């Protein structure tokens, strides 16, 4: 709670036993699932449509998003970079993706 700077008191958070089941439920409920990964299927983060109800999957810094979850996702995005360095800290990457979500939603 302390690390969230009070955000946990203002947003809904839930825990699930299975991310696979949660992704299926979200998709059945009309929520698109966008995963982040450096893969052949990845498109630049700014090419995805975040104006729709969207859940974003961020992977751990070491392992990334599970392969099965990547296959289940409606889209897989990556953050383009100018150098050959291909990875951000997960908190930085999350901030970049969420900025793009807000940019699209505010200019809609």
PDB file of N, CA and C in Angstrom:
ATOM      1  N   UNK A   1       0.827  -1.184   0.000  1.00  0.00           N
ATOM      2  CA  UNK A   1       0.000   0.000   0.000  1.00  0.00           C
ATOM      3  C   UNK A   1       0.875   1.253   0.000  1.00  0.00           C
ATOM      4  N   UNK A   2       1.929   1.232   0.795  1.00  0.00           N
ATOM      5  CA  UNK A   2       2.811   2.399   0.880  1.00  0.00           C
ATOM      6  C   UNK A   2       3.472   2.699  -0.462  1.00  0.00           C
ATOM      7  N   UNK A   3       3.943   1.666  -1.150  1.00  0.00           N
ATOM      8  CA  UNK A   3       4.610   1.868  -2.434  1.00  0.00           C
ATOM      9  C   UNK A   3       3.657   2.378  -3.512  1.00  0.00           C
ATOM     10  N   UNK A   4       2.362   2.141  -3.339  1.00  0.00           N
ATOM     11  CA  UNK A   4       1.395   2.582  -4.349  1.00  0.00           C
ATOM     12  C   UNK A   4       1.033   4.050  -4.205  1.00  0.00           C
ATOM     13  N   UNK A   5       1.556   4.712  -3.192  1.00  0.00           N
ATOM     14  CA  UNK A   5       1.270   6.134  -2.941  1.00  0.00           C
ATOM     15  C   UNK A   5      -0.224   6.392  -2.808  1.00  0.00           C
ATOM     16  N   UNK A   6      -0.942   5.433  -2.232  1.00  0.00           N
ATOM     17  CA  UNK A   6      -2.376   5.605  -2.000  1.00  0.00           C
ATOM     18  C   UNK A   6      -3.260   5.155  -3.142  1.00  0.00           C
ATOM     19  N   UNK A   7      -2.687   4.770  -4.275  1.00  0.00           N
ATOM     20  CA  UNK A   7      -3.500   4.374  -5.433  1.00  0.00           C
ATOM     21  C   UNK A   7      -4.357   3.149  -5.134  1.00  0.00           C
ATOM     22  N   UNK A   8      -3.867   2.242  -4.308  1.00  0.00           N
ATOM     23  CA  UNK A   8      -4.640   1.033  -4.003  1.00  0.00           C
ATOM     24  C   UNK A   8      -5.945   1.345  -3.277  1.00  0.00           C
ATOM     25  N   UNK A   9      -6.022   2.501  -2.642  1.00  0.00           N
ATOM     26  CA  UNK A   9      -7.259   2.889  -1.968  1.00  0.00           C
ATOM     27  C   UNK A   9      -8.281   3.436  -2.967  1.00  0.00           C
ATOM     28  N   UNK A  10      -7.844   3.714  -4.197  1.00  0.00           N
ATOM     29  CA  UNK A  10      -8.733   4.352  -5.171  1.00  0.00           C
ATOM     30  C   UNK A  10      -9.051   3.491  -6.389  1.00  0.00           C
ATOM     31  N   UNK A  11      -8.314   2.423  -6.608  1.00  0.00           N
ATOM     32  CA  UNK A  11      -8.581   1.567  -7.764  1.00  0.00           C
ATOM     33  C   UNK A  11      -8.901   0.157  -7.306  1.00  0.00           C
ATOM     34  N   UNK A  12      -9.652  -0.539  -8.148  1.00  0.00           N
ATOM     35  CA  UNK A  12     -10.011  -1.927  -7.829  1.00  0.00           C
ATOM     36  C   UNK A  12      -8.885  -2.864  -8.243  1.00  0.00           C
ATOM     37  N   UNK A  13      -8.537  -3.750  -7.352  1.00  0.00           N
ATOM     38  CA  UNK A  13      -7.492  -4.731  -7.609  1.00  0.00           C
ATOM     39  C   UNK A  13      -8.040  -6.091  -7.207  1.00  0.00           C
ATOM     40  N   UNK A  14      -7.747  -7.095  -7.997  1.00  0.00           N
ATOM     41  CA  UNK A  14      -8.163  -8.447  -7.617  1.00  0.00           C
ATOM     42  C   UNK A  14      -7.004  -9.401  -7.837  1.00  0.00           C
ATOM     43  N   UNK A  15      -7.054 -10.497  -7.142  1.00  0.00           N
ATOM     44  CA  UNK A  15      -6.063 -11.557  -7.321  1.00  0.00           C
ATOM     45  C   UNK A  15      -6.758 -12.739  -7.945  1.00  0.00           C
ATOM     46  N   UNK A  16      -6.065 -13.414  -8.828  1.00  0.00           N
ATOM     47  CA  UNK A  16      -6.637 -14.587  -9.483  1.00  0.00           C
ATOM     48  C   UNK A  16      -5.702 -15.771  -9.288  1.00  0.00           C
ATOM     49  N   UNK A  17      -6.278 -16.949  -9.331  1.00  0.00           N
ATOM     50  CA  UNK A  17      -5.458 -18.158  -9.192  1.00  0.00           C
ATOM     51  C   UNK A  17      -4.752 -18.502 -10.503  1.00  0.00           C
ATOM     52  N   UNK A  18      -5.371 -18.140 -11.621  1.00  0.00           N
ATOM     53  CA  UNK A  18      -4.813 -18.514 -12.919  1.00  0.00           C
ATOM     54  C   UNK A  18      -4.912 -17.339 -13.889  1.00  0.00           C
ATOM     55  N   UNK A  19      -3.768 -16.870 -14.379  1.00  0.00           N
ATOM     56  CA  UNK A  19      -3.785 -15.814 -15.385  1.00  0.00           C
ATOM     57  C   UNK A  19      -4.428 -16.309 -16.678  1.00  0.00           C
ATOM     58  N   UNK A  20      -4.274 -17.584 -16.983  1.00  0.00           N
ATOM     59  CA  UNK A  20      -4.857 -18.143 -18.197  1.00  0.00           C
ATOM     60  C   UNK A  20      -6.377 -18.030 -18.151  1.00  0.00           C
ATOM     61  N   UNK A  21      -6.963 -18.410 -17.031  1.00  0.00           N
ATOM     62  CA  UNK A  21      -8.419 -18.304 -16.868  1.00  0.00           C
ATOM     63  C   UNK A  21      -8.868 -16.847 -16.855  1.00  0.00           C
ATOM     64  N   UNK A  22      -8.072 -15.989 -16.240  1.00  0.00           N
ATOM     65  CA  UNK A  22      -8.409 -14.563 -16.183  1.00  0.00           C
ATOM     66  C   UNK A  22      -8.408 -13.956 -17.585  1.00  0.00           C
ATOM     67  N   UNK A  23      -7.438 -14.313 -18.410  1.00  0.00           N
ATOM     68  CA  UNK A  23      -7.380 -13.799 -19.783  1.00  0.00           C
ATOM     69  C   UNK A  23      -8.591 -14.292 -20.575  1.00  0.00           C
ATOM     70  N   UNK A  24      -8.932 -15.566 -20.438  1.00  0.00           N
ATOM     71  CA  UNK A  24     -10.123 -16.095 -21.122  1.00  0.00           C
ATOM     72  C   UNK A  24     -11.371 -15.332 -20.699  1.00  0.00           C
ATOM     73  N   UNK A  25     -11.532 -15.109 -19.399  1.00  0.00           N
ATOM     74  CA  UNK A  25     -12.704 -14.402 -18.882  1.00  0.00           C
ATOM     75  C   UNK A  25     -12.750 -12.967 -19.402  1.00  0.00           C
ATOM     76  N   UNK A  26     -11.610 -12.280 -19.399  1.00  0.00           N
ATOM     77  CA  UNK A  26     -11.559 -10.907 -19.913  1.00  0.00           C
ATOM     78  C   UNK A  26     -11.990 -10.862 -21.371  1.00  0.00           C
ATOM     79  N   UNK A  27     -11.456 -11.760 -22.179  1.00  0.00           N
ATOM     80  CA  UNK A  27     -11.798 -11.778 -23.597  1.00  0.00           C
ATOM     81  C   UNK A  27     -13.273 -12.100 -23.815  1.00  0.00           C
ATOM     82  N   UNK A  28     -13.800 -13.036 -23.052  1.00  0.00           N
ATOM     83  CA  UNK A  28     -15.227 -13.369 -23.149  1.00  0.00           C
ATOM     84  C   UNK A  28     -16.101 -12.192 -22.722  1.00  0.00           C
ATOM     85  N   UNK A  29     -15.546 -11.312 -21.897  1.00  0.00           N
ATOM     86  CA  UNK A  29     -16.276 -10.139 -21.405  1.00  0.00           C
ATOM     87  C   UNK A  29     -16.091  -8.915 -22.303  1.00  0.00           C
ATOM     88  N   UNK A  30     -15.421  -9.084 -23.430  1.00  0.00           N
ATOM     89  CA  UNK A  30     -15.255  -7.989 -24.373  1.00  0.00           C
ATOM     90  C   UNK A  30     -14.041  -7.110 -24.143  1.00  0.00           C
ATOM     91  N   UNK A  31     -13.106  -7.585 -23.350  1.00  0.00           N
ATOM     92  CA  UNK A  31     -11.881  -6.829 -23.086  1.00  0.00           C
ATOM     93  C   UNK A  31     -10.770  -7.412 -23.948  1.00  0.00           C
ATOM     94  N   UNK A  32     -10.109  -6.552 -24.723  1.00  0.00           N
ATOM     95  CA  UNK A  32      -8.968  -7.041 -25.495  1.00  0.00           C
ATOM     96  C   UNK A  32      -7.771  -7.180 -24.567  1.00  0.00           C
ATOM     97  N   UNK A  33      -6.952  -8.176 -24.830  1.00  0.00           N
ATOM     98  CA  UNK A  33      -5.762  -8.418 -24.020  1.00  0.00           C
ATOM     99  C   UNK A  33      -4.535  -8.138 -24.886  1.00  0.00           C
ATOM    100  N   UNK A  34      -3.715  -7.204 -24.412  1.00  0.00           N
ATOM    101  CA  UNK A  34      -2.499  -6.825 -25.115  1.00  0.00           C
ATOM    102  C   UNK A  34      -1.314  -7.218 -24.239  1.00  0.00           C
ATOM    103  N   UNK A  35      -0.422  -8.011 -24.803  1.00  0.00           N
ATOM    104  CA  UNK A  35       0.769  -8.446 -24.071  1.00  0.00           C
ATOM    105  C   UNK A  35       1.984  -7.693 -24.598  1.00  0.00           C
ATOM    106  N   UNK A  36       2.997  -7.583 -23.773  1.00  0.00           N
ATOM    107  CA  UNK A  36       4.242  -6.941 -24.180  1.00  0.00           C
ATOM    108  C   UNK A  36       5.331  -7.996 -24.307  1.00  0.00           C
ATOM    109  N   UNK A  37       6.032  -7.963 -25.433  1.00  0.00           N
ATOM    110  CA  UNK A  37       7.121  -8.924 -25.645  1.00  0.00           C
ATOM    111  C   UNK A  37       7.909  -8.545 -26.880  1.00  0.00           C
ATOM    112  N   UNK A  38       9.124  -9.009 -26.928  1.00  0.00           N
ATOM    113  CA  UNK A  38       9.949  -8.881 -28.128  1.00  0.00           C
ATOM    114  C   UNK A  38       9.818 -10.198 -28.876  1.00  0.00           C
ATOM    115  N   UNK A  39       8.890 -10.251 -29.812  1.00  0.00           N
ATOM    116  CA  UNK A  39       8.680 -11.479 -30.569  1.00  0.00           C
ATOM    117  C   UNK A  39       8.407 -11.140 -32.019  1.00  0.00           C
ATOM    118  N   UNK A  40       8.362 -12.161 -32.865  1.00  0.00           N
ATOM    119  CA  UNK A  40       8.079 -11.957 -34.284  1.00  0.00           C
ATOM    120  C   UNK A  40       6.692 -11.347 -34.488  1.00  0.00           C
ATOM    121  N   UNK A  41       5.792 -11.622 -33.584  1.00  0.00           N
ATOM    122  CA  UNK A  41       4.408 -11.162 -33.690  1.00  0.00           C
ATOM    123  C   UNK A  41       4.229  -9.729 -33.181  1.00  0.00           C
ATOM    124  N   UNK A  42       5.224  -9.179 -32.505  1.00  0.00           N
ATOM    125  CA  UNK A  42       5.101  -7.860 -31.879  1.00  0.00           C
ATOM    126  C   UNK A  42       4.958  -6.742 -32.896  1.00  0.00           C
ATOM    127  N   UNK A  43       4.078  -5.790 -32.560  1.00  0.00           N
ATOM    128  CA  UNK A  43       3.944  -4.560 -33.336  1.00  0.00           C
ATOM    129  C   UNK A  43       4.372  -3.406 -32.423  1.00  0.00           C
ATOM    130  N   UNK A  44       4.759  -2.276 -33.003  1.00  0.00           N
ATOM    131  CA  UNK A  44       5.119  -1.140 -32.150  1.00  0.00           C
ATOM    132  C   UNK A  44       3.946  -0.737 -31.250  1.00  0.00           C
ATOM    133  N   UNK A  45       4.244  -0.354 -30.033  1.00  0.00           N
ATOM    134  CA  UNK A  45       3.230  -0.070 -29.020  1.00  0.00           C
ATOM    135  C   UNK A  45       2.207   0.959 -29.493  1.00  0.00           C
ATOM    136  N   UNK A  46       2.606   1.903 -30.331  1.00  0.00           N
ATOM    137  CA  UNK A  46       1.695   2.950 -30.779  1.00  0.00           C
ATOM    138  C   UNK A  46       0.772   2.500 -31.914  1.00  0.00           C
ATOM    139  N   UNK A  47       0.947   1.284 -32.428  1.00  0.00           N
ATOM    140  CA  UNK A  47       0.070   0.782 -33.487  1.00  0.00           C
ATOM    141  C   UNK A  47      -1.141   0.031 -32.958  1.00  0.00           C
ATOM    142  N   UNK A  48      -1.143  -0.326 -31.692  1.00  0.00           N
ATOM    143  CA  UNK A  48      -2.300  -1.013 -31.105  1.00  0.00           C
ATOM    144  C   UNK A  48      -3.381   0.009 -30.782  1.00  0.00           C
ATOM    145  N   UNK A  49      -4.639  -0.432 -30.776  1.00  0.00           N
ATOM    146  CA  UNK A  49      -5.774   0.442 -30.470  1.00  0.00           C
ATOM    147  C   UNK A  49      -6.150   0.267 -29.000  1.00  0.00           C
ATOM    148  N   UNK A  50      -5.861   1.278 -28.201  1.00  0.00           N
ATOM    149  CA  UNK A  50      -6.166   1.223 -26.770  1.00  0.00           C
ATOM    150  C   UNK A  50      -7.438   1.979 -26.424  1.00  0.00           C
ATOM    151  N   UNK A  51      -8.204   2.393 -27.436  1.00  0.00           N
ATOM    152  CA  UNK A  51      -9.460   3.089 -27.149  1.00  0.00           C
ATOM    153  C   UNK A  51     -10.539   2.090 -26.734  1.00  0.00           C
ATOM    154  N   UNK A  52     -10.294   0.825 -26.983  1.00  0.00           N
ATOM    155  CA  UNK A  52     -11.200  -0.248 -26.564  1.00  0.00           C
ATOM    156  C   UNK A  52     -10.897  -0.626 -25.115  1.00  0.00           C
ATOM    157  N   UNK A  53     -11.850  -1.275 -24.431  1.00  0.00           N
ATOM    158  CA  UNK A  53     -11.507  -1.809 -23.106  1.00  0.00           C
ATOM    159  C   UNK A  53     -10.314  -2.758 -23.250  1.00  0.00           C
ATOM    160  N   UNK A  54      -9.270  -2.528 -22.456  1.00  0.00           N
ATOM    161  CA  UNK A  54      -8.005  -3.226 -22.662  1.00  0.00           C
ATOM    162  C   UNK A  54      -7.382  -3.664 -21.341  1.00  0.00           C
ATOM    163  N   UNK A  55      -6.872  -4.879 -21.336  1.00  0.00           N
ATOM    164  CA  UNK A  55      -6.028  -5.366 -20.238  1.00  0.00           C
ATOM    165  C   UNK A  55      -4.627  -5.514 -20.812  1.00  0.00           C
ATOM    166  N   UNK A  56      -3.640  -5.100 -20.065  1.00  0.00           N
ATOM    167  CA  UNK A  56      -2.251  -5.159 -20.538  1.00  0.00           C
ATOM    168  C   UNK A  56      -1.471  -6.145 -19.684  1.00  0.00           C
ATOM    169  N   UNK A  57      -0.797  -7.063 -20.347  1.00  0.00           N
ATOM    170  CA  UNK A  57       0.036  -8.050 -19.656  1.00  0.00           C
ATOM    171  C   UNK A  57       1.496  -7.624 -19.747  1.00  0.00           C
ATOM    172  N   UNK A  58       2.102  -7.419 -18.594  1.00  0.00           N
ATOM    173  CA  UNK A  58       3.522  -7.092 -18.517  1.00  0.00           C
ATOM    174  C   UNK A  58       4.221  -8.295 -17.889  1.00  0.00           C
ATOM    175  N   UNK A  59       5.318  -8.696 -18.460  1.00  0.00           N
ATOM    176  CA  UNK A  59       6.039  -9.843 -17.927  1.00  0.00           C
ATOM    177  C   UNK A  59       7.082  -9.446 -16.911  1.00  0.00           C
ATOM    178  N   UNK A  60       7.611 -10.443 -16.257  1.00  0.00           N
ATOM    179  CA  UNK A  60       8.698 -10.188 -15.319  1.00  0.00           C
ATOM    180  C   UNK A  60       9.940  -9.801 -16.109  1.00  0.00           C
ATOM    181  N   UNK A  61      10.866  -9.141 -15.460  1.00  0.00           N
ATOM    182  CA  UNK A  61      12.060  -8.663 -16.153  1.00  0.00           C
ATOM    183  C   UNK A  61      12.938  -9.805 -16.649  1.00  0.00           C
ATOM    184  N   UNK A  62      12.935 -10.908 -15.967  1.00  0.00           N
ATOM    185  CA  UNK A  62      13.771 -12.027 -16.389  1.00  0.00           C
ATOM    186  C   UNK A  62      13.091 -12.957 -17.377  1.00  0.00           C
ATOM    187  N   UNK A  63      11.848 -13.285 -17.123  1.00  0.00           N
ATOM    188  CA  UNK A  63      11.143 -14.298 -17.913  1.00  0.00           C
ATOM    189  C   UNK A  63      10.232 -13.723 -18.990  1.00  0.00           C
ATOM    190  N   UNK A  64       9.694 -12.537 -18.789  1.00  0.00           N
ATOM    191  CA  UNK A  64       8.731 -11.994 -19.735  1.00  0.00           C
ATOM    192  C   UNK A  64       7.358 -12.621 -19.540  1.00  0.00           C
ATOM    193  N   UNK A  65       6.470 -12.374 -20.479  1.00  0.00           N
ATOM    194  CA  UNK A  65       5.119 -12.937 -20.437  1.00  0.00           C
ATOM    195  C   UNK A  65       5.196 -14.396 -20.880  1.00  0.00           C
ATOM    196  N   UNK A  66       4.493 -15.266 -20.184  1.00  0.00           N
ATOM    197  CA  UNK A  66       4.474 -16.695 -20.483  1.00  0.00           C
ATOM    198  C   UNK A  66       4.054 -16.918 -21.941  1.00  0.00           C
ATOM    199  N   UNK A  67       4.690 -17.877 -22.603  1.00  0.00           N
ATOM    200  CA  UNK A  67       4.444 -18.170 -24.014  1.00  0.00           C
ATOM    201  C   UNK A  67       2.968 -18.439 -24.292  1.00  0.00           C
ATOM    202  N   UNK A  68       2.304 -19.183 -23.433  1.00  0.00           N
ATOM    203  CA  UNK A  68       0.880 -19.487 -23.639  1.00  0.00           C
ATOM    204  C   UNK A  68       0.044 -18.206 -23.568  1.00  0.00           C
ATOM    205  N   UNK A  69       0.393 -17.299 -22.671  1.00  0.00           N
ATOM    206  CA  UNK A  69      -0.337 -16.030 -22.572  1.00  0.00           C
ATOM    207  C   UNK A  69      -0.105 -15.175 -23.817  1.00  0.00           C
ATOM    208  N   UNK A  70       1.104 -15.217 -24.376  1.00  0.00           N
ATOM    209  CA  UNK A  70       1.379 -14.485 -25.615  1.00  0.00           C
ATOM    210  C   UNK A  70       0.503 -15.006 -26.748  1.00  0.00           C
ATOM    211  N   UNK A  71       0.320 -16.310 -26.804  1.00  0.00           N
ATOM    212  CA  UNK A  71      -0.528 -16.907 -27.841  1.00  0.00           C
ATOM    213  C   UNK A  71      -1.996 -16.540 -27.630  1.00  0.00           C
ATOM    214  N   UNK A  72      -2.407 -16.397 -26.388  1.00  0.00           N
ATOM    215  CA  UNK A  72      -3.798 -16.065 -26.076  1.00  0.00           C
ATOM    216  C   UNK A  72      -4.111 -14.585 -26.328  1.00  0.00           C
ATOM    217  N   UNK A  73      -3.099 -13.739 -26.262  1.00  0.00           N
ATOM    218  CA  UNK A  73      -3.306 -12.293 -26.358  1.00  0.00           C
ATOM    219  C   UNK A  73      -3.865 -11.897 -27.724  1.00  0.00           C
ATOM    220  N   UNK A  74      -4.676 -10.842 -27.724  1.00  0.00           N
ATOM    221  CA  UNK A  74      -5.236 -10.314 -28.965  1.00  0.00           C
ATOM    222  C   UNK A  74      -4.179  -9.559 -29.766  1.00  0.00           C
ATOM    223  N   UNK A  75      -3.218  -8.983 -29.077  1.00  0.00           N
ATOM    224  CA  UNK A  75      -2.113  -8.276 -29.723  1.00  0.00           C
ATOM    225  C   UNK A  75      -0.887  -8.384 -28.830  1.00  0.00           C
ATOM    226  N   UNK A  76       0.274  -8.334 -29.465  1.00  0.00           N
ATOM    227  CA  UNK A  76       1.548  -8.322 -28.743  1.00  0.00           C
ATOM    228  C   UNK A  76       2.294  -7.077 -29.207  1.00  0.00           C
ATOM    229  N   UNK A  77       2.717  -6.260 -28.256  1.00  0.00           N
ATOM    230  CA  UNK A  77       3.375  -4.999 -28.606  1.00  0.00           C
ATOM    231  C   UNK A  77       4.795  -4.953 -28.047  1.00  0.00           C
ATOM    232  N   UNK A  78       5.589  -4.088 -28.685  1.00  0.00           N
ATOM    233  CA  UNK A  78       6.958  -3.844 -28.220  1.00  0.00           C
ATOM    234  C   UNK A  78       7.188  -2.343 -28.242  1.00  0.00           C
ATOM    235  N   UNK A  79       8.158  -1.906 -27.481  1.00  0.00           N
ATOM    236  CA  UNK A  79       8.533  -0.497 -27.442  1.00  0.00           C
ATOM    237  C   UNK A  79       9.743  -0.326 -28.352  1.00  0.00           C
ATOM    238  N   UNK A  80       9.577   0.391 -29.475  1.00  0.00           N
ATOM    239  CA  UNK A  80      10.717   0.584 -30.384  1.00  0.00           C
ATOM    240  C   UNK A  80      11.843   1.353 -29.689  1.00  0.00           C
ATOM    241  N   UNK A  81      13.059   0.999 -30.027  1.00  0.00           N
ATOM    242  CA  UNK A  81      14.211   1.677 -29.453  1.00  0.00           C
ATOM    243  C   UNK A  81      15.207   2.043 -30.547  1.00  0.00           C
ATOM    244  N   UNK A  82      15.917   3.125 -30.342  1.00  0.00           N
ATOM    245  CA  UNK A  82      16.853   3.638 -31.343  1.00  0.00           C
ATOM    246  C   UNK A  82      18.180   2.888 -31.354  1.00  0.00           C
ATOM    247  N   UNK A  83      18.476   2.167 -30.295  1.00  0.00           N
ATOM    248  CA  UNK A  83      19.752   1.452 -30.209  1.00  0.00           C
ATOM    249  C   UNK A  83      19.512  -0.049 -30.238  1.00  0.00           C
ATOM    250  N   UNK A  84      20.559  -0.837 -30.155  1.00  0.00           N
ATOM    251  CA  UNK A  84      20.406  -2.286 -30.136  1.00  0.00           C
ATOM    252  C   UNK A  84      20.046  -2.813 -28.742  1.00  0.00           C
ATOM    253  N   UNK A  85      19.951  -1.926 -27.775  1.00  0.00           N
ATOM    254  CA  UNK A  85      19.519  -2.306 -26.431  1.00  0.00           C
ATOM    255  C   UNK A  85      18.025  -2.570 -26.515  1.00  0.00           C
ATOM    256  N   UNK A  86      17.575  -3.759 -26.132  1.00  0.00           N
ATOM    257  CA  UNK A  86      16.199  -4.148 -26.421  1.00  0.00           C
ATOM    258  C   UNK A  86      15.305  -4.355 -25.196  1.00  0.00           C
ATOM    259  N   UNK A  87      15.660  -3.779 -24.062  1.00  0.00           N
ATOM    260  CA  UNK A  87      14.850  -4.053 -22.891  1.00  0.00           C
ATOM    261  C   UNK A  87      14.816  -2.867 -21.940  1.00  0.00           C
ATOM    262  N   UNK A  88      13.650  -2.652 -21.340  1.00  0.00           N
ATOM    263  CA  UNK A  88      13.481  -1.653 -20.291  1.00  0.00           C
ATOM    264  C   UNK A  88      13.169  -2.366 -18.987  1.00  0.00           C
ATOM    265  N   UNK A  89      13.415  -1.725 -17.891  1.00  0.00           N
ATOM    266  CA  UNK A  89      12.933  -2.175 -16.599  1.00  0.00           C
ATOM    267  C   UNK A  89      11.411  -2.267 -16.718  1.00  0.00           C
ATOM    268  N   UNK A  90      10.786  -3.257 -16.079  1.00  0.00           N
ATOM    269  CA  UNK A  90       9.343  -3.476 -16.243  1.00  0.00           C
ATOM    270  C   UNK A  90       8.522  -2.266 -15.794  1.00  0.00           C
ATOM    271  N   UNK A  91       8.968  -1.545 -14.783  1.00  0.00           N
ATOM    272  CA  UNK A  91       8.204  -0.371 -14.345  1.00  0.00           C
ATOM    273  C   UNK A  91       8.300   0.753 -15.372  1.00  0.00           C
ATOM    274  N   UNK A  92       9.451   0.919 -15.998  1.00  0.00           N
ATOM    275  CA  UNK A  92       9.613   1.928 -17.049  1.00  0.00           C
ATOM    276  C   UNK A  92       8.777   1.544 -18.266  1.00  0.00           C
ATOM    277  N   UNK A  93       8.842   0.285 -18.666  1.00  0.00           N
ATOM    278  CA  UNK A  93       8.062  -0.188 -19.815  1.00  0.00           C
ATOM    279  C   UNK A  93       6.564  -0.014 -19.559  1.00  0.00           C
ATOM    280  N   UNK A  94       6.124  -0.298 -18.353  1.00  0.00           N
ATOM    281  CA  UNK A  94       4.712  -0.124 -18.009  1.00  0.00           C
ATOM    282  C   UNK A  94       4.315   1.337 -18.147  1.00  0.00           C
ATOM    283  N   UNK A  95       5.146   2.228 -17.673  1.00  0.00           N
ATOM    284  CA  UNK A  95       4.865   3.655 -17.793  1.00  0.00           C
ATOM    285  C   UNK A  95       4.755   4.094 -19.243  1.00  0.00           C
ATOM    286  N   UNK A  96       5.618   3.587 -20.096  1.00  0.00           N
ATOM    287  CA  UNK A  96       5.587   3.942 -21.517  1.00  0.00           C
ATOM    288  C   UNK A  96       4.300   3.441 -22.166  1.00  0.00           C
ATOM    289  N   UNK A  97       3.936   2.197 -21.881  1.00  0.00           N
ATOM    290  CA  UNK A  97       2.711   1.635 -22.459  1.00  0.00           C
ATOM    291  C   UNK A  97       1.486   2.390 -21.949  1.00  0.00           C
ATOM    292  N   UNK A  98       1.425   2.656 -20.653  1.00  0.00           N
ATOM    293  CA  UNK A  98       0.267   3.373 -20.096  1.00  0.00           C
ATOM    294  C   UNK A  98       0.189   4.803 -20.609  1.00  0.00           C
ATOM    295  N   UNK A  99       1.320   5.424 -20.882  1.00  0.00           N
ATOM    296  CA  UNK A  99       1.309   6.755 -21.481  1.00  0.00           C
ATOM    297  C   UNK A  99       0.640   6.699 -22.854  1.00  0.00           C
ATOM    298  N   UNK A 100       0.969   5.687 -23.656  1.00  0.00           N
ATOM    299  CA  UNK A 100       0.361   5.543 -24.977  1.00  0.00           C
ATOM    300  C   UNK A 100      -1.138   5.287 -24.865  1.00  0.00           C
ATOM    301  N   UNK A 101      -1.544   4.496 -23.892  1.00  0.00           N
ATOM    302  CA  UNK A 101      -2.977   4.263 -23.666  1.00  0.00           C
ATOM    303  C   UNK A 101      -3.680   5.596 -23.392  1.00  0.00           C
ATOM    304  N   UNK A 102      -3.141   6.378 -22.481  1.00  0.00           N
ATOM    305  CA  UNK A 102      -3.763   7.665 -22.136  1.00  0.00           C
ATOM    306  C   UNK A 102      -3.715   8.642 -23.300  1.00  0.00           C
ATOM    307  N   UNK A 103      -2.631   8.668 -24.049  1.00  0.00           N
ATOM    308  CA  UNK A 103      -2.526   9.559 -25.205  1.00  0.00           C
ATOM    309  C   UNK A 103      -3.644   9.281 -26.193  1.00  0.00           C
ATOM    310  N   UNK A 104      -3.842   7.982 -26.496  1.00  0.00           N
ATOM    311  CA  UNK A 104      -4.903   7.627 -27.439  1.00  0.00           C
ATOM    312  C   UNK A 104      -6.284   7.964 -26.902  1.00  0.00           C
ATOM    313  N   UNK A 105      -6.506   7.702 -25.640  1.00  0.00           N
ATOM    314  CA  UNK A 105      -7.840   7.933 -25.067  1.00  0.00           C
ATOM    315  C   UNK A 105      -8.149   9.418 -24.915  1.00  0.00           C
ATOM    316  N   UNK A 106      -7.147  10.230 -24.670  1.00  0.00           N
ATOM    317  CA  UNK A 106      -7.371  11.664 -24.525  1.00  0.00           C
ATOM    318  C   UNK A 106      -7.532  12.370 -25.867  1.00  0.00           C
ATOM    319  N   UNK A 107      -6.996  11.800 -26.949  1.00  0.00           N
ATOM    320  CA  UNK A 107      -7.092  12.438 -28.258  1.00  0.00           C
ATOM    321  C   UNK A 107      -8.215  11.844 -29.092  1.00  0.00           C
ATOM    322  N   UNK A 108      -8.974  10.964 -28.533  1.00  0.00           N
ATOM    323  CA  UNK A 108     -10.065  10.274 -29.242  1.00  0.00           C
ATOM    324  C   UNK A 108     -11.236  11.197 -29.466  1.00  0.00           C
TER     325      UNK A 108
END
